[in-house]
């Protein structure tokens, strides 16, 4: 969240909410820990955090088209 909201000024918060929640229809921001907890609860047996546009699976490489988002997002590959 600190990456999305660099200050606590109302105008910054309002813009961040508009950009993240309304524009992309996000409901919740997950931390790595939360994402792993939910994934395990849903029956995923393996979870690997990867770098933007990287994957051990060729078909999944270079799919991200928003370069400006790479430092804001978590990239993970889950296996059932």
PDB file of N, CA and C in Angstrom:
ATOM      1  N   UNK A   1       0.809  -1.188   0.000  1.00  0.00           N
ATOM      2  CA  UNK A   1       0.000   0.000   0.000  1.00  0.00           C
ATOM      3  C   UNK A   1       0.860   1.263   0.000  1.00  0.00           C
ATOM      4  N   UNK A   2       2.012   1.199   0.667  1.00  0.00           N
ATOM      5  CA  UNK A   2       2.884   2.370   0.700  1.00  0.00           C
ATOM      6  C   UNK A   2       3.364   2.735  -0.698  1.00  0.00           C
ATOM      7  N   UNK A   3       3.451   1.764  -1.578  1.00  0.00           N
ATOM      8  CA  UNK A   3       3.881   2.054  -2.954  1.00  0.00           C
ATOM      9  C   UNK A   3       2.783   2.789  -3.724  1.00  0.00           C
ATOM     10  N   UNK A   4       1.530   2.510  -3.402  1.00  0.00           N
ATOM     11  CA  UNK A   4       0.411   3.176  -4.072  1.00  0.00           C
ATOM     12  C   UNK A   4       0.126   4.550  -3.474  1.00  0.00           C
ATOM     13  N   UNK A   5       0.295   4.660  -2.160  1.00  0.00           N
ATOM     14  CA  UNK A   5      -0.034   5.900  -1.467  1.00  0.00           C
ATOM     15  C   UNK A   5       1.221   6.437  -0.783  1.00  0.00           C
ATOM     16  N   UNK A   6       1.935   7.326  -1.455  1.00  0.00           N
ATOM     17  CA  UNK A   6       3.208   7.811  -0.935  1.00  0.00           C
ATOM     18  C   UNK A   6       3.048   8.855   0.161  1.00  0.00           C
ATOM     19  N   UNK A   7       1.887   9.488   0.255  1.00  0.00           N
ATOM     20  CA  UNK A   7       1.621  10.451   1.327  1.00  0.00           C
ATOM     21  C   UNK A   7       0.221  10.184   1.868  1.00  0.00           C
ATOM     22  N   UNK A   8      -0.086  10.846   2.949  1.00  0.00           N
ATOM     23  CA  UNK A   8      -1.428  10.694   3.513  1.00  0.00           C
ATOM     24  C   UNK A   8      -2.326  11.867   3.150  1.00  0.00           C
ATOM     25  N   UNK A   9      -1.893  12.714   2.234  1.00  0.00           N
ATOM     26  CA  UNK A   9      -2.708  13.851   1.802  1.00  0.00           C
ATOM     27  C   UNK A   9      -3.988  13.344   1.140  1.00  0.00           C
ATOM     28  N   UNK A  10      -5.100  13.997   1.421  1.00  0.00           N
ATOM     29  CA  UNK A  10      -6.385  13.556   0.891  1.00  0.00           C
ATOM     30  C   UNK A  10      -6.379  13.442  -0.628  1.00  0.00           C
ATOM     31  N   UNK A  11      -5.784  14.423  -1.307  1.00  0.00           N
ATOM     32  CA  UNK A  11      -5.778  14.387  -2.778  1.00  0.00           C
ATOM     33  C   UNK A  11      -5.011  13.172  -3.295  1.00  0.00           C
ATOM     34  N   UNK A  12      -3.924  12.815  -2.614  1.00  0.00           N
ATOM     35  CA  UNK A  12      -3.143  11.629  -3.005  1.00  0.00           C
ATOM     36  C   UNK A  12      -3.946  10.361  -2.773  1.00  0.00           C
ATOM     37  N   UNK A  13      -4.620  10.273  -1.636  1.00  0.00           N
ATOM     38  CA  UNK A  13      -5.448   9.102  -1.336  1.00  0.00           C
ATOM     39  C   UNK A  13      -6.601   8.978  -2.326  1.00  0.00           C
ATOM     40  N   UNK A  14      -7.249  10.084  -2.622  1.00  0.00           N
ATOM     41  CA  UNK A  14      -8.373  10.057  -3.563  1.00  0.00           C
ATOM     42  C   UNK A  14      -7.923   9.599  -4.945  1.00  0.00           C
ATOM     43  N   UNK A  15      -6.775  10.099  -5.403  1.00  0.00           N
ATOM     44  CA  UNK A  15      -6.251   9.680  -6.703  1.00  0.00           C
ATOM     45  C   UNK A  15      -5.876   8.201  -6.684  1.00  0.00           C
ATOM     46  N   UNK A  16      -5.237   7.739  -5.610  1.00  0.00           N
ATOM     47  CA  UNK A  16      -4.866   6.339  -5.498  1.00  0.00           C
ATOM     48  C   UNK A  16      -6.064   5.417  -5.497  1.00  0.00           C
ATOM     49  N   UNK A  17      -7.095   5.809  -4.789  1.00  0.00           N
ATOM     50  CA  UNK A  17      -8.328   5.012  -4.774  1.00  0.00           C
ATOM     51  C   UNK A  17      -8.951   4.968  -6.156  1.00  0.00           C
ATOM     52  N   UNK A  18      -9.005   6.105  -6.811  1.00  0.00           N
ATOM     53  CA  UNK A  18      -9.559   6.154  -8.175  1.00  0.00           C
ATOM     54  C   UNK A  18      -8.749   5.272  -9.119  1.00  0.00           C
ATOM     55  N   UNK A  19      -7.424   5.417  -9.071  1.00  0.00           N
ATOM     56  CA  UNK A  19      -6.554   4.657  -9.973  1.00  0.00           C
ATOM     57  C   UNK A  19      -6.623   3.157  -9.716  1.00  0.00           C
ATOM     58  N   UNK A  20      -6.536   2.773  -8.471  1.00  0.00           N
ATOM     59  CA  UNK A  20      -6.431   1.345  -8.139  1.00  0.00           C
ATOM     60  C   UNK A  20      -7.778   0.645  -8.036  1.00  0.00           C
ATOM     61  N   UNK A  21      -8.676   1.205  -7.261  1.00  0.00           N
ATOM     62  CA  UNK A  21      -9.923   0.507  -6.989  1.00  0.00           C
ATOM     63  C   UNK A  21     -10.966   0.696  -8.090  1.00  0.00           C
ATOM     64  N   UNK A  22     -11.197   1.918  -8.484  1.00  0.00           N
ATOM     65  CA  UNK A  22     -12.276   2.154  -9.440  1.00  0.00           C
ATOM     66  C   UNK A  22     -11.863   1.858 -10.882  1.00  0.00           C
ATOM     67  N   UNK A  23     -10.679   2.324 -11.273  1.00  0.00           N
ATOM     68  CA  UNK A  23     -10.246   2.146 -12.660  1.00  0.00           C
ATOM     69  C   UNK A  23     -10.048   0.665 -12.999  1.00  0.00           C
ATOM     70  N   UNK A  24      -9.401  -0.069 -12.098  1.00  0.00           N
ATOM     71  CA  UNK A  24      -9.124  -1.488 -12.369  1.00  0.00           C
ATOM     72  C   UNK A  24     -10.086  -2.427 -11.648  1.00  0.00           C
ATOM     73  N   UNK A  25     -11.073  -1.862 -10.956  1.00  0.00           N
ATOM     74  CA  UNK A  25     -12.106  -2.626 -10.249  1.00  0.00           C
ATOM     75  C   UNK A  25     -11.527  -3.571  -9.198  1.00  0.00           C
ATOM     76  N   UNK A  26     -10.445  -3.161  -8.541  1.00  0.00           N
ATOM     77  CA  UNK A  26      -9.878  -3.955  -7.459  1.00  0.00           C
ATOM     78  C   UNK A  26     -10.788  -3.869  -6.243  1.00  0.00           C
ATOM     79  N   UNK A  27     -10.809  -4.940  -5.491  1.00  0.00           N
ATOM     80  CA  UNK A  27     -11.593  -4.987  -4.272  1.00  0.00           C
ATOM     81  C   UNK A  27     -10.679  -4.997  -3.048  1.00  0.00           C
ATOM     82  N   UNK A  28      -9.520  -5.616  -3.185  1.00  0.00           N
ATOM     83  CA  UNK A  28      -8.611  -5.777  -2.060  1.00  0.00           C
ATOM     84  C   UNK A  28      -7.176  -5.863  -2.583  1.00  0.00           C
ATOM     85  N   UNK A  29      -6.241  -5.299  -1.843  1.00  0.00           N
ATOM     86  CA  UNK A  29      -4.827  -5.466  -2.156  1.00  0.00           C
ATOM     87  C   UNK A  29      -4.285  -6.572  -1.261  1.00  0.00           C
ATOM     88  N   UNK A  30      -3.665  -7.572  -1.848  1.00  0.00           N
ATOM     89  CA  UNK A  30      -3.099  -8.673  -1.084  1.00  0.00           C
ATOM     90  C   UNK A  30      -1.608  -8.465  -0.861  1.00  0.00           C
ATOM     91  N   UNK A  31      -1.161  -8.808   0.328  1.00  0.00           N
ATOM     92  CA  UNK A  31       0.274  -8.908   0.575  1.00  0.00           C
ATOM     93  C   UNK A  31       0.685 -10.305   0.135  1.00  0.00           C
ATOM     94  N   UNK A  32       1.961 -10.550   0.058  1.00  0.00           N
ATOM     95  CA  UNK A  32       2.426 -11.902  -0.287  1.00  0.00           C
ATOM     96  C   UNK A  32       1.908 -12.924   0.723  1.00  0.00           C
ATOM     97  N   UNK A  33       1.946 -12.542   1.992  1.00  0.00           N
ATOM     98  CA  UNK A  33       1.505 -13.456   3.048  1.00  0.00           C
ATOM     99  C   UNK A  33       0.021 -13.786   2.915  1.00  0.00           C
ATOM    100  N   UNK A  34      -0.800 -12.774   2.658  1.00  0.00           N
ATOM    101  CA  UNK A  34      -2.235 -13.007   2.484  1.00  0.00           C
ATOM    102  C   UNK A  34      -2.512 -13.869   1.261  1.00  0.00           C
ATOM    103  N   UNK A  35      -1.830 -13.572   0.181  1.00  0.00           N
ATOM    104  CA  UNK A  35      -2.019 -14.325  -1.049  1.00  0.00           C
ATOM    105  C   UNK A  35      -1.671 -15.794  -0.841  1.00  0.00           C
ATOM    106  N   UNK A  36      -0.583 -16.040  -0.147  1.00  0.00           N
ATOM    107  CA  UNK A  36      -0.179 -17.418   0.122  1.00  0.00           C
ATOM    108  C   UNK A  36      -1.186 -18.127   1.025  1.00  0.00           C
ATOM    109  N   UNK A  37      -1.692 -17.444   2.030  1.00  0.00           N
ATOM    110  CA  UNK A  37      -2.682 -18.021   2.936  1.00  0.00           C
ATOM    111  C   UNK A  37      -3.962 -18.392   2.181  1.00  0.00           C
ATOM    112  N   UNK A  38      -4.457 -17.490   1.364  1.00  0.00           N
ATOM    113  CA  UNK A  38      -5.674 -17.756   0.589  1.00  0.00           C
ATOM    114  C   UNK A  38      -5.440 -18.885  -0.414  1.00  0.00           C
ATOM    115  N   UNK A  39      -4.298 -18.877  -1.081  1.00  0.00           N
ATOM    116  CA  UNK A  39      -3.993 -19.919  -2.067  1.00  0.00           C
ATOM    117  C   UNK A  39      -3.958 -21.297  -1.410  1.00  0.00           C
ATOM    118  N   UNK A  40      -3.313 -21.390  -0.271  1.00  0.00           N
ATOM    119  CA  UNK A  40      -3.253 -22.686   0.426  1.00  0.00           C
ATOM    120  C   UNK A  40      -4.650 -23.116   0.881  1.00  0.00           C
ATOM    121  N   UNK A  41      -5.437 -22.180   1.362  1.00  0.00           N
ATOM    122  CA  UNK A  41      -6.808 -22.481   1.785  1.00  0.00           C
ATOM    123  C   UNK A  41      -7.648 -23.003   0.609  1.00  0.00           C
ATOM    124  N   UNK A  42      -7.369 -22.509  -0.591  1.00  0.00           N
ATOM    125  CA  UNK A  42      -8.096 -22.930  -1.791  1.00  0.00           C
ATOM    126  C   UNK A  42      -7.535 -24.199  -2.415  1.00  0.00           C
ATOM    127  N   UNK A  43      -6.501 -24.770  -1.814  1.00  0.00           N
ATOM    128  CA  UNK A  43      -5.988 -26.048  -2.269  1.00  0.00           C
ATOM    129  C   UNK A  43      -4.788 -26.003  -3.196  1.00  0.00           C
ATOM    130  N   UNK A  44      -4.181 -24.830  -3.342  1.00  0.00           N
ATOM    131  CA  UNK A  44      -2.970 -24.766  -4.160  1.00  0.00           C
ATOM    132  C   UNK A  44      -1.818 -25.352  -3.365  1.00  0.00           C
ATOM    133  N   UNK A  45      -1.053 -26.226  -3.990  1.00  0.00           N
ATOM    134  CA  UNK A  45       0.024 -26.919  -3.287  1.00  0.00           C
ATOM    135  C   UNK A  45       1.376 -26.240  -3.456  1.00  0.00           C
ATOM    136  N   UNK A  46       1.504 -25.435  -4.480  1.00  0.00           N
ATOM    137  CA  UNK A  46       2.795 -24.783  -4.749  1.00  0.00           C
ATOM    138  C   UNK A  46       2.539 -23.336  -5.123  1.00  0.00           C
ATOM    139  N   UNK A  47       3.358 -22.477  -4.566  1.00  0.00           N
ATOM    140  CA  UNK A  47       3.252 -21.053  -4.883  1.00  0.00           C
ATOM    141  C   UNK A  47       4.654 -20.518  -5.057  1.00  0.00           C
ATOM    142  N   UNK A  48       4.877 -19.871  -6.188  1.00  0.00           N
ATOM    143  CA  UNK A  48       6.193 -19.313  -6.474  1.00  0.00           C
ATOM    144  C   UNK A  48       6.025 -17.856  -6.878  1.00  0.00           C
ATOM    145  N   UNK A  49       6.711 -16.970  -6.167  1.00  0.00           N
ATOM    146  CA  UNK A  49       6.715 -15.562  -6.541  1.00  0.00           C
ATOM    147  C   UNK A  49       7.763 -15.381  -7.626  1.00  0.00           C
ATOM    148  N   UNK A  50       7.401 -14.678  -8.675  1.00  0.00           N
ATOM    149  CA  UNK A  50       8.296 -14.487  -9.812  1.00  0.00           C
ATOM    150  C   UNK A  50       8.421 -13.001 -10.126  1.00  0.00           C
ATOM    151  N   UNK A  51       9.410 -12.653 -10.884  1.00  0.00           N
ATOM    152  CA  UNK A  51       9.599 -11.266 -11.321  1.00  0.00           C
ATOM    153  C   UNK A  51       8.663 -10.969 -12.487  1.00  0.00           C
ATOM    154  N   UNK A  52       8.405  -9.715 -12.677  1.00  0.00           N
ATOM    155  CA  UNK A  52       7.549  -9.271 -13.784  1.00  0.00           C
ATOM    156  C   UNK A  52       8.053  -9.829 -15.115  1.00  0.00           C
ATOM    157  N   UNK A  53       7.134 -10.392 -15.874  1.00  0.00           N
ATOM    158  CA  UNK A  53       7.395 -10.922 -17.214  1.00  0.00           C
ATOM    159  C   UNK A  53       8.310 -12.152 -17.208  1.00  0.00           C
ATOM    160  N   UNK A  54       8.482 -12.768 -16.054  1.00  0.00           N
ATOM    161  CA  UNK A  54       9.334 -13.962 -15.929  1.00  0.00           C
ATOM    162  C   UNK A  54       8.470 -15.140 -15.517  1.00  0.00           C
ATOM    163  N   UNK A  55       8.823 -16.275 -15.981  1.00  0.00           N
ATOM    164  CA  UNK A  55       8.143 -17.502 -15.599  1.00  0.00           C
ATOM    165  C   UNK A  55       9.011 -18.677 -16.009  1.00  0.00           C
ATOM    166  N   UNK A  56       8.852 -19.781 -15.313  1.00  0.00           N
ATOM    167  CA  UNK A  56       9.541 -20.984 -15.766  1.00  0.00           C
ATOM    168  C   UNK A  56       8.759 -21.639 -16.904  1.00  0.00           C
ATOM    169  N   UNK A  57       7.571 -21.114 -17.169  1.00  0.00           N
ATOM    170  CA  UNK A  57       6.732 -21.606 -18.261  1.00  0.00           C
ATOM    171  C   UNK A  57       6.758 -20.599 -19.408  1.00  0.00           C
ATOM    172  N   UNK A  58       7.267 -20.993 -20.526  1.00  0.00           N
ATOM    173  CA  UNK A  58       7.432 -20.073 -21.656  1.00  0.00           C
ATOM    174  C   UNK A  58       6.129 -19.379 -22.054  1.00  0.00           C
ATOM    175  N   UNK A  59       5.034 -20.103 -22.019  1.00  0.00           N
ATOM    176  CA  UNK A  59       3.740 -19.533 -22.427  1.00  0.00           C
ATOM    177  C   UNK A  59       3.287 -18.390 -21.522  1.00  0.00           C
ATOM    178  N   UNK A  60       3.833 -18.308 -20.327  1.00  0.00           N
ATOM    179  CA  UNK A  60       3.440 -17.268 -19.380  1.00  0.00           C
ATOM    180  C   UNK A  60       4.415 -16.099 -19.328  1.00  0.00           C
ATOM    181  N   UNK A  61       5.485 -16.154 -20.070  1.00  0.00           N
ATOM    182  CA  UNK A  61       6.478 -15.074 -20.050  1.00  0.00           C
ATOM    183  C   UNK A  61       6.007 -13.875 -20.870  1.00  0.00           C
ATOM    184  N   UNK A  62       6.399 -12.714 -20.417  1.00  0.00           N
ATOM    185  CA  UNK A  62       6.184 -11.449 -21.139  1.00  0.00           C
ATOM    186  C   UNK A  62       4.719 -11.120 -21.383  1.00  0.00           C
ATOM    187  N   UNK A  63       3.831 -11.558 -20.500  1.00  0.00           N
ATOM    188  CA  UNK A  63       2.411 -11.255 -20.659  1.00  0.00           C
ATOM    189  C   UNK A  63       2.030  -9.882 -20.115  1.00  0.00           C
ATOM    190  N   UNK A  64       2.740  -9.408 -19.120  1.00  0.00           N
ATOM    191  CA  UNK A  64       2.436  -8.108 -18.521  1.00  0.00           C
ATOM    192  C   UNK A  64       2.778  -7.005 -19.513  1.00  0.00           C
ATOM    193  N   UNK A  65       1.811  -6.143 -19.775  1.00  0.00           N
ATOM    194  CA  UNK A  65       2.018  -5.063 -20.746  1.00  0.00           C
ATOM    195  C   UNK A  65       2.105  -3.691 -20.079  1.00  0.00           C
ATOM    196  N   UNK A  66       1.948  -3.638 -18.769  1.00  0.00           N
ATOM    197  CA  UNK A  66       1.976  -2.353 -18.057  1.00  0.00           C
ATOM    198  C   UNK A  66       3.290  -2.223 -17.300  1.00  0.00           C
ATOM    199  N   UNK A  67       4.327  -1.832 -17.989  1.00  0.00           N
ATOM    200  CA  UNK A  67       5.668  -1.739 -17.386  1.00  0.00           C
ATOM    201  C   UNK A  67       5.673  -0.837 -16.155  1.00  0.00           C
ATOM    202  N   UNK A  68       4.860   0.201 -16.169  1.00  0.00           N
ATOM    203  CA  UNK A  68       4.829   1.133 -15.047  1.00  0.00           C
ATOM    204  C   UNK A  68       4.246   0.491 -13.785  1.00  0.00           C
ATOM    205  N   UNK A  69       3.622  -0.662 -13.908  1.00  0.00           N
ATOM    206  CA  UNK A  69       3.022  -1.346 -12.770  1.00  0.00           C
ATOM    207  C   UNK A  69       3.933  -2.388 -12.137  1.00  0.00           C
ATOM    208  N   UNK A  70       5.048  -2.709 -12.761  1.00  0.00           N
ATOM    209  CA  UNK A  70       5.843  -3.847 -12.307  1.00  0.00           C
ATOM    210  C   UNK A  70       6.347  -3.724 -10.883  1.00  0.00           C
ATOM    211  N   UNK A  71       6.571  -2.531 -10.384  1.00  0.00           N
ATOM    212  CA  UNK A  71       7.023  -2.373  -9.002  1.00  0.00           C
ATOM    213  C   UNK A  71       5.859  -2.310  -8.016  1.00  0.00           C
ATOM    214  N   UNK A  72       4.639  -2.292  -8.524  1.00  0.00           N
ATOM    215  CA  UNK A  72       3.460  -2.202  -7.670  1.00  0.00           C
ATOM    216  C   UNK A  72       2.751  -3.538  -7.493  1.00  0.00           C
ATOM    217  N   UNK A  73       2.969  -4.463  -8.402  1.00  0.00           N
ATOM    218  CA  UNK A  73       2.229  -5.714  -8.406  1.00  0.00           C
ATOM    219  C   UNK A  73       3.040  -6.880  -7.854  1.00  0.00           C
ATOM    220  N   UNK A  74       2.316  -7.884  -7.403  1.00  0.00           N
ATOM    221  CA  UNK A  74       2.915  -9.148  -6.997  1.00  0.00           C
ATOM    222  C   UNK A  74       2.655 -10.126  -8.131  1.00  0.00           C
ATOM    223  N   UNK A  75       3.682 -10.821  -8.551  1.00  0.00           N
ATOM    224  CA  UNK A  75       3.545 -11.812  -9.606  1.00  0.00           C
ATOM    225  C   UNK A  75       3.793 -13.185  -8.978  1.00  0.00           C
ATOM    226  N   UNK A  76       2.805 -14.047  -9.105  1.00  0.00           N
ATOM    227  CA  UNK A  76       2.908 -15.361  -8.489  1.00  0.00           C
ATOM    228  C   UNK A  76       2.342 -16.410  -9.421  1.00  0.00           C
ATOM    229  N   UNK A  77       2.918 -17.598  -9.355  1.00  0.00           N
ATOM    230  CA  UNK A  77       2.412 -18.732 -10.105  1.00  0.00           C
ATOM    231  C   UNK A  77       2.008 -19.800  -9.086  1.00  0.00           C
ATOM    232  N   UNK A  78       0.776 -20.266  -9.222  1.00  0.00           N
ATOM    233  CA  UNK A  78       0.223 -21.230  -8.282  1.00  0.00           C
ATOM    234  C   UNK A  78      -0.078 -22.528  -8.992  1.00  0.00           C
ATOM    235  N   UNK A  79       0.133 -23.632  -8.295  1.00  0.00           N
ATOM    236  CA  UNK A  79      -0.119 -24.962  -8.845  1.00  0.00           C
ATOM    237  C   UNK A  79      -1.053 -25.703  -7.899  1.00  0.00           C
ATOM    238  N   UNK A  80      -2.107 -26.297  -8.448  1.00  0.00           N
ATOM    239  CA  UNK A  80      -3.042 -27.089  -7.634  1.00  0.00           C
ATOM    240  C   UNK A  80      -2.472 -28.439  -7.361  1.00  0.00           C
TER     241      UNK A  80
END
